[in-house]
Amino acid sequence: MSNSYQSDILRVLCVDDNRDSADMLGVLLEIAGFIPRVCYSGDEALILLSDFNPDACILDIQMPGMGGLELASRIRVWAGNRSICLVALTGIHDDLARVRSTNAGFDLHLTKPADPDQLATLLADIVLLHAESTRDS
């Protein structure tokens, strides 16, 4: 698959072992005008990174195998100096979980179930930041 996505549309990788949650998020992102890619494990996400080249990733924290914290750290290494927004979307909402997600490289920590308006606002902000960074480069 070639990397022929339109450069002005935000590409968002959604990773959650709960297929229904991941698929629903992908549908909502597509309806909102984004280019979503959905997968169900950390290993699968790592395989998709280079081809899909996401601008943002929404990751579940608790997944079997490679969890979202490790995946976030690996995505940061993969991205190098490139800006990529990492959002934790998880059922874990205590202070320690927020500290751990920040230490793993997440930009934001949202808890499930996410408020659709909050998520839409967040993604709109990401689009604005993305537009500014591409305009400046």
N, C-alpha and C. Protein backbone atom coordinates (compact mmCIF):
# COMPACT_ATOMS: atom_id res chain seq x y z
N MET A 1 0.85 -1.18 0.00
CA MET A 1 0.00 0.00 0.00
C MET A 1 0.89 1.24 0.00
N SER A 2 0.63 2.16 -0.88
CA SER A 2 1.45 3.37 -0.95
C SER A 2 0.95 4.38 0.07
N ASN A 3 1.80 5.34 0.34
CA ASN A 3 1.46 6.38 1.30
C ASN A 3 0.92 7.58 0.53
N SER A 4 -0.24 7.42 -0.10
CA SER A 4 -0.80 8.44 -0.98
C SER A 4 -1.93 9.21 -0.33
N TYR A 5 -1.88 9.41 0.97
CA TYR A 5 -2.93 10.13 1.68
C TYR A 5 -2.79 11.61 1.42
N GLN A 6 -3.91 12.33 1.43
CA GLN A 6 -3.86 13.77 1.29
C GLN A 6 -3.15 14.36 2.49
N SER A 7 -2.24 15.28 2.23
CA SER A 7 -1.41 15.81 3.32
C SER A 7 -2.16 16.74 4.25
N ASP A 8 -3.31 17.29 3.83
CA ASP A 8 -4.02 18.23 4.68
C ASP A 8 -5.08 17.57 5.56
N ILE A 9 -5.23 16.26 5.47
CA ILE A 9 -6.19 15.54 6.31
C ILE A 9 -5.41 14.75 7.35
N LEU A 10 -5.79 14.92 8.59
CA LEU A 10 -5.09 14.28 9.69
C LEU A 10 -5.27 12.77 9.66
N ARG A 11 -4.17 12.04 9.75
CA ARG A 11 -4.19 10.58 9.82
C ARG A 11 -4.09 10.17 11.28
N VAL A 12 -5.07 9.38 11.74
CA VAL A 12 -5.15 8.99 13.15
C VAL A 12 -5.15 7.47 13.26
N LEU A 13 -4.19 6.95 14.00
CA LEU A 13 -4.11 5.52 14.27
C LEU A 13 -4.80 5.24 15.59
N CYS A 14 -5.79 4.33 15.58
CA CYS A 14 -6.54 3.96 16.78
C CYS A 14 -6.17 2.52 17.14
N VAL A 15 -5.72 2.32 18.38
CA VAL A 15 -5.29 0.99 18.80
C VAL A 15 -6.02 0.63 20.09
N ASP A 16 -6.81 -0.44 20.03
CA ASP A 16 -7.55 -0.92 21.19
C ASP A 16 -7.85 -2.39 20.98
N ASP A 17 -7.59 -3.22 21.99
CA ASP A 17 -7.87 -4.65 21.86
C ASP A 17 -9.37 -4.93 21.87
N ASN A 18 -10.18 -3.99 22.33
CA ASN A 18 -11.63 -4.13 22.25
C ASN A 18 -12.05 -3.70 20.84
N ARG A 19 -12.32 -4.68 20.01
CA ARG A 19 -12.61 -4.41 18.60
C ARG A 19 -13.78 -3.46 18.40
N ASP A 20 -14.83 -3.62 19.19
CA ASP A 20 -16.00 -2.75 19.05
C ASP A 20 -15.62 -1.29 19.34
N SER A 21 -14.86 -1.06 20.40
CA SER A 21 -14.43 0.30 20.75
C SER A 21 -13.55 0.89 19.66
N ALA A 22 -12.59 0.11 19.20
CA ALA A 22 -11.67 0.59 18.17
C ALA A 22 -12.42 0.90 16.87
N ASP A 23 -13.29 -0.02 16.47
CA ASP A 23 -14.03 0.18 15.22
C ASP A 23 -14.96 1.39 15.30
N MET A 24 -15.63 1.57 16.44
CA MET A 24 -16.52 2.71 16.61
C MET A 24 -15.74 4.03 16.56
N LEU A 25 -14.59 4.06 17.20
CA LEU A 25 -13.76 5.25 17.16
C LEU A 25 -13.32 5.55 15.73
N GLY A 26 -12.95 4.51 15.01
CA GLY A 26 -12.56 4.69 13.61
C GLY A 26 -13.69 5.28 12.78
N VAL A 27 -14.90 4.80 12.99
CA VAL A 27 -16.07 5.31 12.26
C VAL A 27 -16.31 6.78 12.61
N LEU A 28 -16.25 7.10 13.89
CA LEU A 28 -16.46 8.49 14.32
C LEU A 28 -15.40 9.42 13.72
N LEU A 29 -14.15 8.96 13.68
CA LEU A 29 -13.09 9.78 13.09
C LEU A 29 -13.31 9.99 11.60
N GLU A 30 -13.75 8.94 10.93
CA GLU A 30 -14.01 9.06 9.50
C GLU A 30 -15.17 10.02 9.22
N ILE A 31 -16.22 9.93 10.01
CA ILE A 31 -17.36 10.84 9.87
C ILE A 31 -16.92 12.28 10.09
N ALA A 32 -15.98 12.47 11.02
CA ALA A 32 -15.48 13.82 11.33
C ALA A 32 -14.50 14.34 10.28
N GLY A 33 -14.16 13.51 9.28
CA GLY A 33 -13.31 13.97 8.19
C GLY A 33 -11.84 13.59 8.30
N PHE A 34 -11.51 12.75 9.25
CA PHE A 34 -10.13 12.30 9.41
C PHE A 34 -9.91 11.02 8.62
N ILE A 35 -8.65 10.63 8.47
CA ILE A 35 -8.31 9.34 7.87
C ILE A 35 -7.89 8.42 9.02
N PRO A 36 -8.80 7.56 9.46
CA PRO A 36 -8.46 6.67 10.58
C PRO A 36 -7.89 5.34 10.07
N ARG A 37 -7.09 4.74 10.89
CA ARG A 37 -6.64 3.36 10.68
C ARG A 37 -6.80 2.69 12.02
N VAL A 38 -7.47 1.57 12.06
CA VAL A 38 -7.78 0.87 13.30
C VAL A 38 -7.02 -0.43 13.35
N CYS A 39 -6.46 -0.73 14.51
CA CYS A 39 -5.87 -2.04 14.75
C CYS A 39 -6.09 -2.43 16.20
N TYR A 40 -5.78 -3.67 16.52
CA TYR A 40 -6.23 -4.24 17.79
C TYR A 40 -5.10 -4.72 18.71
N SER A 41 -3.85 -4.39 18.37
CA SER A 41 -2.73 -4.77 19.23
C SER A 41 -1.55 -3.84 19.00
N GLY A 42 -0.67 -3.80 19.98
CA GLY A 42 0.53 -3.00 19.86
C GLY A 42 1.43 -3.48 18.73
N ASP A 43 1.57 -4.78 18.60
CA ASP A 43 2.41 -5.33 17.53
C ASP A 43 1.88 -4.94 16.15
N GLU A 44 0.57 -5.03 15.98
CA GLU A 44 -0.05 -4.65 14.71
C GLU A 44 0.17 -3.16 14.43
N ALA A 45 0.08 -2.34 15.47
CA ALA A 45 0.29 -0.89 15.31
C ALA A 45 1.70 -0.60 14.83
N LEU A 46 2.69 -1.27 15.40
CA LEU A 46 4.07 -1.04 14.98
C LEU A 46 4.28 -1.38 13.51
N ILE A 47 3.61 -2.40 13.04
CA ILE A 47 3.71 -2.79 11.62
C ILE A 47 3.10 -1.71 10.72
N LEU A 48 2.02 -1.07 11.17
CA LEU A 48 1.32 -0.07 10.37
C LEU A 48 2.01 1.30 10.34
N LEU A 49 2.85 1.59 11.31
CA LEU A 49 3.39 2.94 11.45
C LEU A 49 4.02 3.50 10.18
N SER A 50 4.97 2.81 9.61
CA SER A 50 5.72 3.35 8.48
C SER A 50 4.85 3.56 7.25
N ASP A 51 3.93 2.64 7.01
CA ASP A 51 3.07 2.77 5.84
C ASP A 51 2.01 3.87 6.03
N PHE A 52 1.40 3.90 7.19
CA PHE A 52 0.31 4.85 7.45
C PHE A 52 0.83 6.22 7.83
N ASN A 53 1.95 6.28 8.54
CA ASN A 53 2.58 7.54 8.93
C ASN A 53 1.59 8.48 9.64
N PRO A 54 1.07 8.06 10.80
CA PRO A 54 0.01 8.84 11.46
C PRO A 54 0.50 10.18 12.01
N ASP A 55 -0.44 11.12 12.07
CA ASP A 55 -0.18 12.41 12.71
C ASP A 55 -0.53 12.35 14.19
N ALA A 56 -1.43 11.43 14.54
CA ALA A 56 -1.88 11.25 15.91
C ALA A 56 -2.21 9.78 16.13
N CYS A 57 -2.06 9.34 17.37
CA CYS A 57 -2.40 7.97 17.74
C CYS A 57 -3.25 8.02 19.01
N ILE A 58 -4.34 7.28 18.99
CA ILE A 58 -5.19 7.14 20.16
C ILE A 58 -5.04 5.70 20.61
N LEU A 59 -4.46 5.52 21.80
CA LEU A 59 -4.06 4.20 22.26
C LEU A 59 -4.74 3.82 23.56
N ASP A 60 -5.20 2.58 23.61
CA ASP A 60 -5.67 2.00 24.86
C ASP A 60 -4.43 1.67 25.69
N ILE A 61 -4.49 1.79 26.99
CA ILE A 61 -3.35 1.49 27.85
C ILE A 61 -3.27 0.00 28.15
N GLN A 62 -4.38 -0.60 28.54
CA GLN A 62 -4.38 -2.00 28.96
C GLN A 62 -4.76 -2.90 27.79
N MET A 63 -3.73 -3.47 27.17
CA MET A 63 -3.95 -4.43 26.09
C MET A 63 -3.07 -5.64 26.39
N PRO A 64 -3.53 -6.82 26.01
CA PRO A 64 -2.67 -7.99 26.19
C PRO A 64 -1.43 -7.87 25.29
N GLY A 65 -0.37 -8.53 25.70
CA GLY A 65 0.88 -8.41 24.93
C GLY A 65 1.50 -7.05 25.21
N MET A 66 1.73 -6.30 24.16
CA MET A 66 2.30 -4.97 24.31
C MET A 66 1.20 -3.98 24.68
N GLY A 67 1.30 -3.42 25.87
CA GLY A 67 0.33 -2.43 26.32
C GLY A 67 0.59 -1.07 25.72
N GLY A 68 -0.34 -0.16 25.96
CA GLY A 68 -0.25 1.17 25.40
C GLY A 68 0.93 1.99 25.87
N LEU A 69 1.39 1.77 27.12
CA LEU A 69 2.55 2.54 27.61
C LEU A 69 3.80 2.18 26.82
N GLU A 70 4.04 0.89 26.63
CA GLU A 70 5.20 0.47 25.85
C GLU A 70 5.05 0.91 24.39
N LEU A 71 3.85 0.77 23.85
CA LEU A 71 3.61 1.19 22.47
C LEU A 71 3.89 2.68 22.29
N ALA A 72 3.45 3.50 23.22
CA ALA A 72 3.69 4.95 23.13
C ALA A 72 5.19 5.24 23.10
N SER A 73 5.94 4.57 23.97
CA SER A 73 7.40 4.76 24.00
C SER A 73 8.02 4.37 22.67
N ARG A 74 7.57 3.27 22.09
CA ARG A 74 8.11 2.82 20.81
C ARG A 74 7.72 3.76 19.67
N ILE A 75 6.52 4.30 19.73
CA ILE A 75 6.10 5.26 18.70
C ILE A 75 6.96 6.52 18.78
N ARG A 76 7.25 6.97 19.99
CA ARG A 76 8.12 8.15 20.15
C ARG A 76 9.50 7.90 19.53
N VAL A 77 10.06 6.72 19.73
CA VAL A 77 11.35 6.38 19.13
C VAL A 77 11.22 6.36 17.61
N TRP A 78 10.16 5.72 17.11
CA TRP A 78 9.93 5.66 15.67
C TRP A 78 9.81 7.06 15.06
N ALA A 79 9.09 7.95 15.73
CA ALA A 79 8.84 9.28 15.20
C ALA A 79 10.08 10.16 15.19
N GLY A 80 11.03 9.88 16.08
CA GLY A 80 12.23 10.71 16.14
C GLY A 80 11.89 12.15 16.47
N ASN A 81 12.32 13.07 15.62
CA ASN A 81 12.06 14.49 15.84
C ASN A 81 10.71 14.94 15.29
N ARG A 82 10.02 14.06 14.59
CA ARG A 82 8.73 14.41 13.99
C ARG A 82 7.66 14.52 15.07
N SER A 83 6.83 15.54 14.94
CA SER A 83 5.75 15.75 15.90
C SER A 83 4.62 14.76 15.65
N ILE A 84 4.23 14.06 16.69
CA ILE A 84 3.10 13.13 16.60
C ILE A 84 2.37 13.21 17.94
N CYS A 85 1.07 13.37 17.90
CA CYS A 85 0.28 13.51 19.12
C CYS A 85 -0.16 12.13 19.59
N LEU A 86 0.12 11.82 20.85
CA LEU A 86 -0.29 10.54 21.44
C LEU A 86 -1.33 10.80 22.51
N VAL A 87 -2.47 10.12 22.35
CA VAL A 87 -3.59 10.27 23.27
C VAL A 87 -3.88 8.91 23.91
N ALA A 88 -3.84 8.86 25.23
CA ALA A 88 -4.26 7.66 25.96
C ALA A 88 -5.77 7.74 26.12
N LEU A 89 -6.46 6.69 25.67
CA LEU A 89 -7.91 6.60 25.86
C LEU A 89 -8.14 5.29 26.60
N THR A 90 -8.38 5.39 27.91
CA THR A 90 -8.32 4.22 28.76
C THR A 90 -9.35 4.27 29.89
N GLY A 91 -9.60 3.14 30.46
CA GLY A 91 -10.47 3.08 31.63
C GLY A 91 -9.75 3.41 32.92
N ILE A 92 -8.44 3.57 32.88
CA ILE A 92 -7.64 3.87 34.07
C ILE A 92 -7.61 5.39 34.26
N HIS A 93 -8.12 5.84 35.41
CA HIS A 93 -8.26 7.29 35.59
C HIS A 93 -7.59 7.83 36.84
N ASP A 94 -6.79 7.04 37.53
CA ASP A 94 -6.16 7.57 38.74
C ASP A 94 -4.92 8.39 38.41
N ASP A 95 -4.41 9.11 39.42
CA ASP A 95 -3.27 10.00 39.22
C ASP A 95 -2.02 9.25 38.78
N LEU A 96 -1.79 8.07 39.36
CA LEU A 96 -0.61 7.28 38.98
C LEU A 96 -0.66 6.90 37.50
N ALA A 97 -1.83 6.55 36.99
CA ALA A 97 -1.98 6.20 35.58
C ALA A 97 -1.65 7.41 34.70
N ARG A 98 -2.06 8.58 35.13
CA ARG A 98 -1.76 9.80 34.36
C ARG A 98 -0.25 10.08 34.35
N VAL A 99 0.40 9.88 35.48
CA VAL A 99 1.85 10.08 35.55
C VAL A 99 2.55 9.08 34.65
N ARG A 100 2.12 7.83 34.71
CA ARG A 100 2.73 6.80 33.86
C ARG A 100 2.54 7.10 32.38
N SER A 101 1.34 7.55 32.00
CA SER A 101 1.12 7.85 30.59
C SER A 101 1.97 9.04 30.14
N THR A 102 2.11 10.04 30.99
CA THR A 102 2.98 11.18 30.66
C THR A 102 4.43 10.72 30.51
N ASN A 103 4.89 9.89 31.43
CA ASN A 103 6.26 9.39 31.37
C ASN A 103 6.52 8.53 30.14
N ALA A 104 5.48 7.87 29.64
CA ALA A 104 5.61 7.03 28.44
C ALA A 104 5.58 7.85 27.16
N GLY A 105 5.26 9.14 27.27
CA GLY A 105 5.28 10.00 26.09
C GLY A 105 3.93 10.44 25.58
N PHE A 106 2.86 10.14 26.32
CA PHE A 106 1.54 10.59 25.89
C PHE A 106 1.41 12.09 26.10
N ASP A 107 0.70 12.73 25.18
CA ASP A 107 0.40 14.15 25.30
C ASP A 107 -0.85 14.37 26.15
N LEU A 108 -1.81 13.44 26.02
CA LEU A 108 -3.08 13.58 26.73
C LEU A 108 -3.52 12.24 27.28
N HIS A 109 -4.29 12.30 28.36
CA HIS A 109 -4.83 11.09 29.01
C HIS A 109 -6.33 11.29 29.17
N LEU A 110 -7.11 10.58 28.35
CA LEU A 110 -8.58 10.64 28.43
C LEU A 110 -9.09 9.31 28.96
N THR A 111 -10.18 9.37 29.71
CA THR A 111 -10.73 8.13 30.26
C THR A 111 -11.99 7.72 29.50
N LYS A 112 -12.16 6.40 29.43
CA LYS A 112 -13.35 5.82 28.80
C LYS A 112 -14.50 5.88 29.79
N PRO A 113 -15.69 6.05 29.35
CA PRO A 113 -16.01 6.38 27.96
C PRO A 113 -15.70 7.85 27.70
N ALA A 114 -15.07 8.11 26.57
CA ALA A 114 -14.71 9.49 26.24
C ALA A 114 -15.95 10.27 25.84
N ASP A 115 -16.00 11.49 26.27
CA ASP A 115 -17.07 12.39 25.88
C ASP A 115 -16.85 12.74 24.40
N PRO A 116 -17.81 12.47 23.53
CA PRO A 116 -17.62 12.73 22.10
C PRO A 116 -17.30 14.19 21.80
N ASP A 117 -17.89 15.12 22.55
CA ASP A 117 -17.59 16.54 22.33
C ASP A 117 -16.15 16.86 22.71
N GLN A 118 -15.68 16.28 23.83
CA GLN A 118 -14.30 16.51 24.25
C GLN A 118 -13.34 15.94 23.23
N LEU A 119 -13.63 14.75 22.73
CA LEU A 119 -12.76 14.12 21.74
C LEU A 119 -12.76 14.93 20.45
N ALA A 120 -13.92 15.42 20.02
CA ALA A 120 -14.00 16.23 18.81
C ALA A 120 -13.19 17.52 18.96
N THR A 121 -13.29 18.15 20.14
CA THR A 121 -12.52 19.36 20.39
C THR A 121 -11.03 19.06 20.35
N LEU A 122 -10.64 17.97 20.99
CA LEU A 122 -9.24 17.57 21.00
C LEU A 122 -8.73 17.37 19.57
N LEU A 123 -9.47 16.65 18.77
CA LEU A 123 -9.03 16.40 17.41
C LEU A 123 -9.01 17.68 16.58
N ALA A 124 -9.95 18.59 16.81
CA ALA A 124 -9.91 19.88 16.12
C ALA A 124 -8.65 20.65 16.49
N ASP A 125 -8.28 20.60 17.75
CA ASP A 125 -7.04 21.25 18.19
C ASP A 125 -5.82 20.62 17.52
N ILE A 126 -5.83 19.29 17.39
CA ILE A 126 -4.73 18.60 16.72
C ILE A 126 -4.64 19.04 15.27
N VAL A 127 -5.78 19.18 14.61
CA VAL A 127 -5.79 19.63 13.22
C VAL A 127 -5.16 21.02 13.11
N LEU A 128 -5.54 21.91 14.02
CA LEU A 128 -4.98 23.26 13.98
C LEU A 128 -3.46 23.25 14.21
N LEU A 129 -3.01 22.46 15.18
CA LEU A 129 -1.58 22.36 15.42
C LEU A 129 -0.86 21.75 14.22
N HIS A 130 -1.48 20.76 13.61
CA HIS A 130 -0.89 20.11 12.44
C HIS A 130 -0.77 21.11 11.29
N ALA A 131 -1.82 21.89 11.08
CA ALA A 131 -1.81 22.89 9.99
C ALA A 131 -0.73 23.93 10.23
N GLU A 132 -0.56 24.34 11.48
CA GLU A 132 0.47 25.32 11.82
C GLU A 132 1.86 24.75 11.58
N SER A 133 2.08 23.51 11.98
CA SER A 133 3.42 22.91 11.83
C SER A 133 3.76 22.67 10.36
N THR A 134 2.79 22.29 9.53
CA THR A 134 3.08 22.09 8.12
C THR A 134 3.25 23.42 7.40
N ARG A 135 2.56 24.46 7.84
CA ARG A 135 2.72 25.78 7.25
C ARG A 135 4.09 26.36 7.58
N ASP A 136 4.58 26.10 8.80
CA ASP A 136 5.86 26.63 9.24
C ASP A 136 7.05 25.89 8.62
N SER A 137 6.83 24.68 8.15
CA SER A 137 7.97 23.91 7.61
C SER A 137 8.11 24.05 6.12
